[in-house]
Amino acid sequence: MRGEYGINDLFIGVPAILGKNGVERIVELDLADDERAQLLASADAVRKGVEELNSFFKPT
């Protein structure tokens, strides 16, 4: 994500237009407030999981 839905620097599943070279653009849907809150909560959970996994691979 590059700012879509207010989310940056994270790979999550959202509707997208695909072309021969990969993702051409993200389709940003109009979400209700509760749907947007749920999406942001999911993104936070994914980000925390990524950070936890990254902590295993940092040099000591």
C-alpha atoms as a PDB file:
ATOM      1  CA  MET A   1       0.000   0.000   0.000  1.00  0.00           C
ATOM      2  CA  ARG A   2       1.162   3.509  -0.830  1.00  0.00           C
ATOM      3  CA  GLY A   3      -1.326   5.622   1.067  1.00  0.00           C
ATOM      4  CA  GLU A   4      -4.514   3.934  -0.080  1.00  0.00           C
ATOM      5  CA  TYR A   5      -7.011   3.781   2.761  1.00  0.00           C
ATOM      6  CA  GLY A   6      -4.408   5.641   4.847  1.00  0.00           C
ATOM      7  CA  ILE A   7      -2.087   2.605   4.881  1.00  0.00           C
ATOM      8  CA  ASN A   8       1.575   2.854   3.868  1.00  0.00           C
ATOM      9  CA  ASP A   9       4.448   0.420   3.400  1.00  0.00           C
ATOM     10  CA  LEU A  10       2.426  -2.747   3.862  1.00  0.00           C
ATOM     11  CA  PHE A  11       1.338  -5.548   1.544  1.00  0.00           C
ATOM     12  CA  ILE A  12      -2.270  -6.562   2.204  1.00  0.00           C
ATOM     13  CA  GLY A  13      -5.045  -7.905   0.007  1.00  0.00           C
ATOM     14  CA  VAL A  14      -7.179  -5.176  -1.529  1.00  0.00           C
ATOM     15  CA  PRO A  15      -8.941  -4.937  -4.889  1.00  0.00           C
ATOM     16  CA  ALA A  16      -6.452  -4.116  -7.642  1.00  0.00           C
ATOM     17  CA  ILE A  17      -6.209  -3.851 -11.404  1.00  0.00           C
ATOM     18  CA  LEU A  18      -3.567  -6.257 -12.680  1.00  0.00           C
ATOM     19  CA  GLY A  19      -1.708  -5.988 -15.957  1.00  0.00           C
ATOM     20  CA  LYS A  20       1.113  -7.807 -17.682  1.00  0.00           C
ATOM     21  CA  ASN A  21       3.629  -6.078 -15.380  1.00  0.00           C
ATOM     22  CA  GLY A  22       1.751  -6.673 -12.135  1.00  0.00           C
ATOM     23  CA  VAL A  23      -0.390  -4.219 -10.155  1.00  0.00           C
ATOM     24  CA  GLU A  24      -1.409  -1.257 -12.298  1.00  0.00           C
ATOM     25  CA  ARG A  25      -3.465   0.444  -9.614  1.00  0.00           C
ATOM     26  CA  ILE A  26      -5.253  -0.187  -6.337  1.00  0.00           C
ATOM     27  CA  VAL A  27      -9.028   0.155  -6.471  1.00  0.00           C
ATOM     28  CA  GLU A  28      -9.973   2.207  -3.411  1.00  0.00           C
ATOM     29  CA  LEU A  29     -13.587   1.498  -2.471  1.00  0.00           C
ATOM     30  CA  ASP A  30     -15.818   3.794  -0.458  1.00  0.00           C
ATOM     31  CA  LEU A  31     -15.961   2.129   2.942  1.00  0.00           C
ATOM     32  CA  ALA A  32     -18.352   2.780   5.790  1.00  0.00           C
ATOM     33  CA  ASP A  33     -16.690   4.061   8.952  1.00  0.00           C
ATOM     34  CA  ASP A  34     -16.867   0.652  10.645  1.00  0.00           C
ATOM     35  CA  GLU A  35     -15.446  -1.088   7.568  1.00  0.00           C
ATOM     36  CA  ARG A  36     -12.542   1.369   7.401  1.00  0.00           C
ATOM     37  CA  ALA A  37     -11.878   0.831  11.124  1.00  0.00           C
ATOM     38  CA  GLN A  38     -11.824  -2.934  10.600  1.00  0.00           C
ATOM     39  CA  LEU A  39      -9.444  -2.606   7.634  1.00  0.00           C
ATOM     40  CA  LEU A  40      -7.093  -0.392   9.643  1.00  0.00           C
ATOM     41  CA  ALA A  41      -7.226  -2.824  12.587  1.00  0.00           C
ATOM     42  CA  SER A  42      -6.332  -5.680  10.231  1.00  0.00           C
ATOM     43  CA  ALA A  43      -3.454  -3.667   8.771  1.00  0.00           C
ATOM     44  CA  ASP A  44      -2.169  -2.960  12.296  1.00  0.00           C
ATOM     45  CA  ALA A  45      -2.316  -6.671  13.123  1.00  0.00           C
ATOM     46  CA  VAL A  46      -0.377  -7.541   9.950  1.00  0.00           C
ATOM     47  CA  ARG A  47       2.193  -4.813  10.666  1.00  0.00           C
ATOM     48  CA  LYS A  48       2.700  -6.128  14.224  1.00  0.00           C
ATOM     49  CA  GLY A  49       3.134  -9.658  12.885  1.00  0.00           C
ATOM     50  CA  VAL A  50       5.721  -8.472  10.362  1.00  0.00           C
ATOM     51  CA  GLU A  51       7.586  -6.573  13.077  1.00  0.00           C
ATOM     52  CA  GLU A  52       7.586  -9.653  15.287  1.00  0.00           C
ATOM     53  CA  LEU A  53       8.944 -11.818  12.484  1.00  0.00           C
ATOM     54  CA  ASN A  54      11.580  -9.214  11.644  1.00  0.00           C
ATOM     55  CA  SER A  55      12.779  -9.271  15.260  1.00  0.00           C
ATOM     56  CA  PHE A  56      13.840 -12.904  14.779  1.00  0.00           C
ATOM     57  CA  PHE A  57      16.133 -11.962  11.925  1.00  0.00           C
ATOM     58  CA  LYS A  58      17.886  -8.922  13.397  1.00  0.00           C
ATOM     59  CA  PRO A  59      21.548  -9.452  14.217  1.00  0.00           C
ATOM     60  CA  THR A  60      22.314  -9.671  17.921  1.00  0.00           C
END
